C-alpha atoms as a PDB file:
ATOM      1  CA  MET A   1      22.040  30.518  51.736  1.00  0.00           C
ATOM      2  CA  ALA A   2      25.881  30.943  51.976  1.00  0.00           C
ATOM      3  CA  ASN A   3      27.283  32.247  55.200  1.00  0.00           C
ATOM      4  CA  VAL A   4      27.552  35.976  55.006  1.00  0.00           C
ATOM      5  CA  PRO A   5      28.849  38.477  57.452  1.00  0.00           C
ATOM      6  CA  GLY A   6      26.203  40.446  59.031  1.00  0.00           C
ATOM      7  CA  THR A   7      23.446  38.067  58.675  1.00  0.00           C
ATOM      8  CA  ASN A   8      21.916  35.201  61.039  1.00  0.00           C
ATOM      9  CA  THR A   9      24.211  32.454  59.079  1.00  0.00           C
ATOM     10  CA  GLY A  10      27.278  30.953  60.204  1.00  0.00           C
ATOM     11  CA  HIS A  11      27.979  29.875  63.751  1.00  0.00           C
ATOM     12  CA  GLY A  12      28.777  33.154  65.375  1.00  0.00           C
ATOM     13  CA  HIS A  13      32.460  32.572  65.871  1.00  0.00           C
ATOM     14  CA  VAL A  14      33.940  34.244  62.714  1.00  0.00           C
ATOM     15  CA  TRP A  15      31.498  37.215  62.625  1.00  0.00           C
ATOM     16  CA  ALA A  16      29.033  38.386  64.946  1.00  0.00           C
ATOM     17  CA  ARG A  17      25.195  37.405  64.290  1.00  0.00           C
ATOM     18  CA  PRO A  18      22.442  40.005  64.659  1.00  0.00           C
ATOM     19  CA  ASP A  19      20.488  37.730  66.675  1.00  0.00           C
ATOM     20  CA  GLY A  20      23.505  37.128  69.086  1.00  0.00           C
ATOM     21  CA  SER A  21      23.656  33.315  69.016  1.00  0.00           C
ATOM     22  CA  ARG A  22      26.869  31.356  68.804  1.00  0.00           C
ATOM     23  CA  ALA A  23      27.052  27.600  68.273  1.00  0.00           C
ATOM     24  CA  ARG A  24      28.811  25.435  70.546  1.00  0.00           C
ATOM     25  CA  CYS A  25      30.957  24.004  67.895  1.00  0.00           C
ATOM     26  CA  GLY A  26      34.532  25.136  69.149  1.00  0.00           C
ATOM     27  CA  GLY A  27      35.142  27.745  66.645  1.00  0.00           C
ATOM     28  CA  PRO A  28      37.381  28.019  63.627  1.00  0.00           C
ATOM     29  CA  ARG A  29      39.972  25.556  65.438  1.00  0.00           C
ATOM     30  CA  MET A  30      37.774  22.691  65.596  1.00  0.00           C
ATOM     31  CA  CYS A  31      34.707  23.169  63.489  1.00  0.00           C
ATOM     32  CA  LYS A  32      35.081  22.777  59.596  1.00  0.00           C
ATOM     33  CA  GLU A  33      32.211  25.485  58.733  1.00  0.00           C
ATOM     34  CA  CYS A  34      33.706  27.829  61.121  1.00  0.00           C
ATOM     35  CA  ALA A  35      37.100  27.361  59.437  1.00  0.00           C
ATOM     36  CA  ARG A  36      35.767  27.810  56.016  1.00  0.00           C
ATOM     37  CA  ASP A  37      34.003  31.076  57.109  1.00  0.00           C
ATOM     38  CA  ALA A  38      37.372  32.298  58.555  1.00  0.00           C
ATOM     39  CA  ALA A  39      39.283  31.446  55.525  1.00  0.00           C
ATOM     40  CA  GLU A  40      36.875  33.176  53.321  1.00  0.00           C
ATOM     41  CA  VAL A  41      36.969  36.470  55.352  1.00  0.00           C
ATOM     42  CA  ALA A  42      40.742  36.287  55.409  1.00  0.00           C
ATOM     43  CA  SER A  43      40.823  35.888  51.604  1.00  0.00           C
ATOM     44  CA  ARG A  44      38.472  38.890  51.282  1.00  0.00           C
ATOM     45  CA  THR A  45      40.677  41.044  53.519  1.00  0.00           C
ATOM     46  CA  GLU A  46      43.847  40.335  51.703  1.00  0.00           C
ATOM     47  CA  ASN A  47      42.294  40.918  48.197  1.00  0.00           C
ATOM     48  CA  LYS A  48      41.154  44.299  49.382  1.00  0.00           C
ATOM     49  CA  GLY A  49      44.704  44.915  50.794  1.00  0.00           C
ATOM     50  CA  ALA A  50      46.480  44.091  47.542  1.00  0.00           C
ATOM     51  CA  ARG A  51      43.820  46.031  45.472  1.00  0.00           C
ATOM     52  CA  ARG A  52      44.537  49.139  47.542  1.00  0.00           C
ATOM     53  CA  ILE A  53      48.393  48.809  47.249  1.00  0.00           C
ATOM     54  CA  GLU A  54      47.921  48.608  43.598  1.00  0.00           C
ATOM     55  CA  GLU A  55      45.733  51.895  43.628  1.00  0.00           C
ATOM     56  CA  LEU A  56      48.222  53.653  46.108  1.00  0.00           C
ATOM     57  CA  GLU A  57      51.159  52.720  43.391  1.00  0.00           C
ATOM     58  CA  ILE A  58      49.204  54.072  40.353  1.00  0.00           C
ATOM     59  CA  ALA A  59      48.759  57.108  42.451  1.00  0.00           C
ATOM     60  CA  ILE A  60      52.218  57.645  43.481  1.00  0.00           C
ATOM     61  CA  ARG A  61      53.357  57.181  39.743  1.00  0.00           C
ATOM     62  CA  ALA A  62      51.171  59.685  38.371  1.00  0.00           C
ATOM     63  CA  ALA A  63      52.315  62.242  40.932  1.00  0.00           C
ATOM     64  CA  LEU A  64      55.987  61.157  40.346  1.00  0.00           C
ATOM     65  CA  SER A  65      55.246  61.836  36.451  1.00  0.00           C
ATOM     66  CA  PHE A  66      53.557  65.204  37.176  1.00  0.00           C
ATOM     67  CA  VAL A  67      56.358  66.553  39.344  1.00  0.00           C
ATOM     68  CA  GLN A  68      59.048  65.376  36.828  1.00  0.00           C
ATOM     69  CA  GLY A  69      57.200  67.177  33.964  1.00  0.00           C
ATOM     70  CA  ARG A  70      56.483  70.461  35.990  1.00  0.00           C
ATOM     71  CA  HIS A  71      59.779  70.679  37.818  1.00  0.00           C
ATOM     72  CA  ALA A  72      62.460  70.086  35.196  1.00  0.00           C
ATOM     73  CA  ASP A  73      65.061  72.411  36.855  1.00  0.00           C
ATOM     74  CA  PRO A  74      67.725  70.311  38.320  1.00  0.00           C
ATOM     75  CA  ASN A  75      68.480  73.009  40.898  1.00  0.00           C
ATOM     76  CA  ASP A  76      64.948  72.995  42.350  1.00  0.00           C
ATOM     77  CA  GLY A  77      65.742  71.183  45.844  1.00  0.00           C
ATOM     78  CA  TYR A  78      62.070  70.960  46.831  1.00  0.00           C
ATOM     79  CA  ALA A  79      61.199  69.075  43.584  1.00  0.00           C
ATOM     80  CA  ARG A  80      64.405  66.800  43.969  1.00  0.00           C
ATOM     81  CA  MET A  81      63.243  66.033  47.578  1.00  0.00           C
ATOM     82  CA  VAL A  82      59.555  65.174  46.525  1.00  0.00           C
ATOM     83  CA  ILE A  83      60.854  63.121  43.566  1.00  0.00           C
ATOM     84  CA  ALA A  84      63.249  61.262  45.800  1.00  0.00           C
ATOM     85  CA  ALA A  85      60.493  60.596  48.328  1.00  0.00           C
ATOM     86  CA  LEU A  86      58.070  59.360  45.739  1.00  0.00           C
ATOM     87  CA  ARG A  87      60.700  57.100  44.057  1.00  0.00           C
ATOM     88  CA  GLY A  88      61.518  55.764  47.488  1.00  0.00           C
ATOM     89  CA  ALA A  89      57.765  54.936  47.995  1.00  0.00           C
ATOM     90  CA  LEU A  90      57.755  52.808  45.064  1.00  0.00           C
ATOM     91  CA  ALA A  91      60.929  50.898  45.860  1.00  0.00           C
ATOM     92  CA  LYS A  92      60.417  47.284  46.398  1.00  0.00           C
ATOM     93  CA  ASP A  93      62.126  45.840  49.802  1.00  0.00           C
END
């Protein structure tokens, strides 16, 4: 069985085991199995973050398109402010 968070697998350093046990291996800095588990957990977290950023960018682009379509009046200060804020949110550093 693969080491999975929330189960009684792994050494107990990367994630807490339900049975509360922890191996005397030294943790991710000294143990290959713990280091592998830590790397896997980190990659899962990074993938979720990247996916969430993509979802937010899609939502912001949709909101920008909606506001630009509904508020074509160049004298509408509120719409200009919202459009500028949305464009700023999409700007890459």
